[in-house]
Amino acid sequence: MVSCMKTTLELPDELLIAAKKRAVEWRRPLRSLVEEGLRAVLKSPVSRRPVQKRRIQWVIAEGRVPWVIDVADRAAMHDWLRRDP
């Protein structure tokens, strides 16, 4: 027995309308049309696009940690950063 899971998909309106029309034309449930499409996509080999290396531009600023911040207390650091100046 094959187990099935329910899920929700968000599709563009025009795509869903076209898929529903095609399912009716083929006298099949929309679910089987979606399943067939997913199986076809997953069966095809994965095409890997070459990864472009990106140059990182480091930004260095002078400064220091204010004395009121305990760098060992992460929550306190976040609170200090979120405060109104």
Foldseek 3Di string as FASTA:
>chain_A
DDDDDDDDDDDPPVVVVVLVVVCVVVVHDSVVVVVVVVVVVVPDDDDDDDDDDDDDDDDDDDDDDDPVDDVVDPVSVVCVVPDDD
